[in-house]
Amino acid sequence: MNPITAAIVDIWEWIKRDYSSHPVRFCVEVTAWLIGLSCSLLMAITMPTPWLHISYPMWLCGCAMYGWAAWTRRSFGMLANYTALFTIDSIATIRLFTA
């Protein structure tokens, strides 16, 4: 088996183990990932006047989902990152909706 195929097989096995260990967390992480991609696409498509009233609440949901996933993984770095992003973007969202 060539190294690229071996790497792909290894990644696929890792994904299957991750799913098997905690299916709910896996689905939450995939959903949060899709939310993040959707927000990025929405921002790119609607430039130069992005639809922040839609993308910010979506992004906050994704951050909260990633935060929960980080907590269940006991990953301090991810939890700290998504807590900071959630806090910063919550303030921005409040300012956006009260402006």
N, C-alpha and C. Protein backbone atom coordinates (compact mmCIF):
# COMPACT_ATOMS: atom_id res chain seq x y z
N MET A 1 0.85 -1.17 0.00
CA MET A 1 0.00 0.00 0.00
C MET A 1 0.90 1.24 0.00
N ASN A 2 0.62 2.19 -0.90
CA ASN A 2 1.46 3.39 -0.95
C ASN A 2 1.16 4.30 0.25
N PRO A 3 2.05 5.23 0.57
CA PRO A 3 1.91 6.07 1.76
C PRO A 3 0.63 6.92 1.77
N ILE A 4 0.21 7.39 0.61
CA ILE A 4 -0.99 8.23 0.57
C ILE A 4 -2.22 7.38 0.89
N THR A 5 -2.32 6.23 0.29
CA THR A 5 -3.45 5.33 0.57
C THR A 5 -3.44 4.92 2.04
N ALA A 6 -2.26 4.62 2.57
CA ALA A 6 -2.14 4.24 3.98
C ALA A 6 -2.61 5.38 4.89
N ALA A 7 -2.25 6.60 4.54
CA ALA A 7 -2.67 7.76 5.34
C ALA A 7 -4.19 7.92 5.29
N ILE A 8 -4.77 7.75 4.12
CA ILE A 8 -6.22 7.88 3.98
C ILE A 8 -6.94 6.80 4.79
N VAL A 9 -6.43 5.57 4.71
CA VAL A 9 -7.02 4.48 5.49
C VAL A 9 -6.89 4.77 6.98
N ASP A 10 -5.75 5.27 7.40
CA ASP A 10 -5.52 5.59 8.81
C ASP A 10 -6.49 6.69 9.27
N ILE A 11 -6.67 7.71 8.46
CA ILE A 11 -7.61 8.78 8.80
C ILE A 11 -9.03 8.23 8.90
N TRP A 12 -9.42 7.40 7.93
CA TRP A 12 -10.77 6.82 7.95
C TRP A 12 -10.99 5.98 9.21
N GLU A 13 -9.99 5.20 9.60
CA GLU A 13 -10.09 4.40 10.83
C GLU A 13 -10.20 5.29 12.06
N TRP A 14 -9.46 6.37 12.07
CA TRP A 14 -9.52 7.33 13.18
C TRP A 14 -10.91 7.95 13.28
N ILE A 15 -11.50 8.32 12.13
CA ILE A 15 -12.86 8.89 12.11
C ILE A 15 -13.85 7.86 12.66
N LYS A 16 -13.73 6.62 12.23
CA LYS A 16 -14.64 5.58 12.72
C LYS A 16 -14.49 5.36 14.23
N ARG A 17 -13.26 5.39 14.74
CA ARG A 17 -13.05 5.25 16.19
C ARG A 17 -13.64 6.44 16.94
N ASP A 18 -13.46 7.64 16.38
CA ASP A 18 -14.02 8.83 17.02
C ASP A 18 -15.53 8.74 17.09
N TYR A 19 -16.16 8.33 15.99
CA TYR A 19 -17.62 8.17 15.97
C TYR A 19 -18.06 7.11 16.98
N SER A 20 -17.38 5.98 16.99
CA SER A 20 -17.75 4.88 17.89
C SER A 20 -17.62 5.26 19.36
N SER A 21 -16.62 6.09 19.67
CA SER A 21 -16.39 6.44 21.07
C SER A 21 -17.46 7.39 21.61
N HIS A 22 -18.04 8.22 20.77
CA HIS A 22 -19.03 9.20 21.24
C HIS A 22 -19.83 9.71 20.03
N PRO A 23 -20.83 8.95 19.57
CA PRO A 23 -21.57 9.32 18.36
C PRO A 23 -22.24 10.69 18.43
N VAL A 24 -22.76 11.06 19.59
CA VAL A 24 -23.43 12.37 19.71
C VAL A 24 -22.43 13.49 19.52
N ARG A 25 -21.30 13.38 20.19
CA ARG A 25 -20.27 14.41 20.05
C ARG A 25 -19.80 14.51 18.60
N PHE A 26 -19.60 13.39 17.96
CA PHE A 26 -19.17 13.37 16.57
C PHE A 26 -20.17 14.14 15.70
N CYS A 27 -21.46 13.87 15.88
CA CYS A 27 -22.49 14.55 15.08
C CYS A 27 -22.55 16.04 15.40
N VAL A 28 -22.37 16.40 16.66
CA VAL A 28 -22.36 17.81 17.05
C VAL A 28 -21.18 18.52 16.39
N GLU A 29 -20.01 17.88 16.39
CA GLU A 29 -18.83 18.49 15.78
C GLU A 29 -18.99 18.65 14.27
N VAL A 30 -19.55 17.66 13.62
CA VAL A 30 -19.77 17.76 12.17
C VAL A 30 -20.78 18.87 11.87
N THR A 31 -21.83 18.95 12.69
CA THR A 31 -22.82 20.01 12.50
C THR A 31 -22.21 21.39 12.71
N ALA A 32 -21.40 21.53 13.76
CA ALA A 32 -20.73 22.81 14.02
C ALA A 32 -19.79 23.18 12.88
N TRP A 33 -19.11 22.18 12.33
CA TRP A 33 -18.22 22.41 11.19
C TRP A 33 -19.01 22.91 9.99
N LEU A 34 -20.16 22.28 9.72
CA LEU A 34 -21.00 22.72 8.60
C LEU A 34 -21.56 24.12 8.83
N ILE A 35 -21.87 24.45 10.07
CA ILE A 35 -22.33 25.80 10.40
C ILE A 35 -21.21 26.80 10.11
N GLY A 36 -20.00 26.50 10.53
CA GLY A 36 -18.87 27.39 10.27
C GLY A 36 -18.63 27.60 8.78
N LEU A 37 -18.70 26.52 8.02
CA LEU A 37 -18.56 26.64 6.57
C LEU A 37 -19.68 27.49 5.97
N SER A 38 -20.89 27.27 6.45
CA SER A 38 -22.03 28.04 5.96
C SER A 38 -21.86 29.53 6.24
N CYS A 39 -21.38 29.85 7.44
CA CYS A 39 -21.15 31.25 7.79
C CYS A 39 -20.09 31.87 6.88
N SER A 40 -19.02 31.14 6.62
CA SER A 40 -17.97 31.65 5.74
C SER A 40 -18.49 31.87 4.33
N LEU A 41 -19.26 30.91 3.83
CA LEU A 41 -19.84 31.07 2.50
C LEU A 41 -20.81 32.25 2.44
N LEU A 42 -21.62 32.38 3.47
CA LEU A 42 -22.57 33.50 3.52
C LEU A 42 -21.85 34.84 3.52
N MET A 43 -20.77 34.92 4.29
CA MET A 43 -19.98 36.16 4.32
C MET A 43 -19.37 36.43 2.94
N ALA A 44 -18.82 35.41 2.31
CA ALA A 44 -18.17 35.58 1.01
C ALA A 44 -19.18 35.98 -0.07
N ILE A 45 -20.33 35.36 -0.05
CA ILE A 45 -21.35 35.62 -1.08
C ILE A 45 -21.96 37.00 -0.92
N THR A 46 -22.13 37.45 0.30
CA THR A 46 -22.84 38.72 0.54
C THR A 46 -21.91 39.93 0.69
N MET A 47 -20.62 39.76 0.47
CA MET A 47 -19.71 40.90 0.53
C MET A 47 -20.05 41.89 -0.57
N PRO A 48 -19.93 43.17 -0.40
CA PRO A 48 -19.29 43.89 0.70
C PRO A 48 -20.23 44.23 1.85
N THR A 49 -21.46 43.80 1.80
CA THR A 49 -22.39 44.05 2.91
C THR A 49 -22.87 42.70 3.46
N PRO A 50 -22.05 42.06 4.29
CA PRO A 50 -22.38 40.72 4.77
C PRO A 50 -23.65 40.71 5.63
N TRP A 51 -24.33 39.60 5.60
CA TRP A 51 -25.56 39.43 6.37
C TRP A 51 -25.22 39.00 7.80
N LEU A 52 -24.72 39.94 8.57
CA LEU A 52 -24.29 39.63 9.93
C LEU A 52 -25.45 39.25 10.84
N HIS A 53 -26.66 39.75 10.55
CA HIS A 53 -27.81 39.40 11.37
C HIS A 53 -28.13 37.90 11.28
N ILE A 54 -27.69 37.27 10.22
CA ILE A 54 -27.89 35.83 10.06
C ILE A 54 -26.64 35.07 10.49
N SER A 55 -25.48 35.52 10.03
CA SER A 55 -24.26 34.74 10.25
C SER A 55 -23.78 34.78 11.70
N TYR A 56 -23.93 35.91 12.40
CA TYR A 56 -23.45 35.95 13.79
C TYR A 56 -24.20 34.97 14.69
N PRO A 57 -25.54 34.94 14.68
CA PRO A 57 -26.21 33.94 15.53
C PRO A 57 -25.86 32.50 15.14
N MET A 58 -25.72 32.25 13.84
CA MET A 58 -25.31 30.90 13.40
C MET A 58 -23.94 30.57 13.97
N TRP A 59 -23.00 31.51 13.85
CA TRP A 59 -21.63 31.30 14.32
C TRP A 59 -21.62 31.03 15.83
N LEU A 60 -22.43 31.78 16.58
CA LEU A 60 -22.49 31.57 18.02
C LEU A 60 -22.98 30.17 18.36
N CYS A 61 -23.97 29.69 17.62
CA CYS A 61 -24.44 28.31 17.84
C CYS A 61 -23.31 27.31 17.58
N GLY A 62 -22.58 27.51 16.50
CA GLY A 62 -21.46 26.62 16.19
C GLY A 62 -20.39 26.67 17.27
N CYS A 63 -20.07 27.86 17.76
CA CYS A 63 -19.06 27.99 18.82
C CYS A 63 -19.51 27.27 20.09
N ALA A 64 -20.79 27.42 20.44
CA ALA A 64 -21.31 26.74 21.64
C ALA A 64 -21.23 25.22 21.46
N MET A 65 -21.54 24.76 20.26
CA MET A 65 -21.48 23.32 20.00
C MET A 65 -20.04 22.81 20.10
N TYR A 66 -19.10 23.55 19.50
CA TYR A 66 -17.69 23.17 19.60
C TYR A 66 -17.21 23.24 21.05
N GLY A 67 -17.70 24.22 21.80
CA GLY A 67 -17.32 24.32 23.21
C GLY A 67 -17.75 23.10 24.00
N TRP A 68 -18.98 22.65 23.77
CA TRP A 68 -19.46 21.44 24.44
C TRP A 68 -18.62 20.23 24.04
N ALA A 69 -18.33 20.13 22.76
CA ALA A 69 -17.51 19.01 22.28
C ALA A 69 -16.12 19.05 22.92
N ALA A 70 -15.54 20.24 23.03
CA ALA A 70 -14.23 20.37 23.66
C ALA A 70 -14.29 19.95 25.13
N TRP A 71 -15.37 20.32 25.80
CA TRP A 71 -15.55 19.93 27.20
C TRP A 71 -15.60 18.41 27.34
N THR A 72 -16.36 17.76 26.46
CA THR A 72 -16.47 16.30 26.56
C THR A 72 -15.17 15.61 26.20
N ARG A 73 -14.33 16.25 25.41
CA ARG A 73 -13.01 15.70 25.07
C ARG A 73 -11.96 16.04 26.13
N ARG A 74 -12.33 16.91 27.05
CA ARG A 74 -11.38 17.42 28.06
C ARG A 74 -10.20 18.12 27.37
N SER A 75 -10.54 18.92 26.36
CA SER A 75 -9.52 19.65 25.61
C SER A 75 -9.54 21.12 26.04
N PHE A 76 -8.60 21.48 26.91
CA PHE A 76 -8.56 22.84 27.44
C PHE A 76 -8.34 23.87 26.34
N GLY A 77 -7.42 23.59 25.43
CA GLY A 77 -7.11 24.56 24.37
C GLY A 77 -8.31 24.87 23.50
N MET A 78 -9.02 23.83 23.06
CA MET A 78 -10.22 24.05 22.24
C MET A 78 -11.30 24.76 23.05
N LEU A 79 -11.48 24.36 24.29
CA LEU A 79 -12.50 24.99 25.12
C LEU A 79 -12.19 26.46 25.34
N ALA A 80 -10.94 26.78 25.63
CA ALA A 80 -10.54 28.18 25.82
C ALA A 80 -10.76 28.98 24.54
N ASN A 81 -10.39 28.40 23.41
CA ASN A 81 -10.56 29.08 22.12
C ASN A 81 -12.02 29.38 21.83
N TYR A 82 -12.88 28.38 21.94
CA TYR A 82 -14.28 28.60 21.61
C TYR A 82 -15.01 29.42 22.66
N THR A 83 -14.57 29.38 23.91
CA THR A 83 -15.13 30.27 24.93
C THR A 83 -14.78 31.72 24.61
N ALA A 84 -13.54 31.96 24.21
CA ALA A 84 -13.13 33.33 23.84
C ALA A 84 -13.90 33.80 22.61
N LEU A 85 -13.98 32.97 21.58
CA LEU A 85 -14.72 33.36 20.38
C LEU A 85 -16.18 33.62 20.69
N PHE A 86 -16.79 32.76 21.50
CA PHE A 86 -18.20 32.93 21.85
C PHE A 86 -18.40 34.24 22.61
N THR A 87 -17.51 34.55 23.53
CA THR A 87 -17.63 35.77 24.32
C THR A 87 -17.48 37.01 23.44
N ILE A 88 -16.43 37.04 22.64
CA ILE A 88 -16.18 38.19 21.75
C ILE A 88 -17.34 38.39 20.78
N ASP A 89 -17.77 37.31 20.15
CA ASP A 89 -18.83 37.42 19.15
C ASP A 89 -20.20 37.63 19.77
N SER A 90 -20.40 37.24 21.01
CA SER A 90 -21.66 37.56 21.70
C SER A 90 -21.76 39.06 21.91
N ILE A 91 -20.65 39.67 22.31
CA ILE A 91 -20.64 41.12 22.49
C ILE A 91 -20.91 41.81 21.16
N ALA A 92 -20.28 41.34 20.11
CA ALA A 92 -20.51 41.92 18.78
C ALA A 92 -21.96 41.74 18.34
N THR A 93 -22.54 40.58 18.63
CA THR A 93 -23.93 40.33 18.24
C THR A 93 -24.87 41.25 19.01
N ILE A 94 -24.63 41.42 20.29
CA ILE A 94 -25.45 42.35 21.08
C ILE A 94 -25.35 43.75 20.51
N ARG A 95 -24.14 44.19 20.19
CA ARG A 95 -23.97 45.52 19.61
C ARG A 95 -24.66 45.63 18.26
N LEU A 96 -24.60 44.57 17.46
CA LEU A 96 -25.24 44.57 16.15
C LEU A 96 -26.76 44.70 16.27
N PHE A 97 -27.35 43.96 17.18
CA PHE A 97 -28.81 43.98 17.29
C PHE A 97 -29.35 45.16 18.08
N THR A 98 -28.49 45.87 18.80
CA THR A 98 -28.96 47.03 19.56
C THR A 98 -28.55 48.36 18.93
N ALA A 99 -27.86 48.28 17.80
CA ALA A 99 -27.40 49.51 17.13
C ALA A 99 -28.54 50.17 16.36
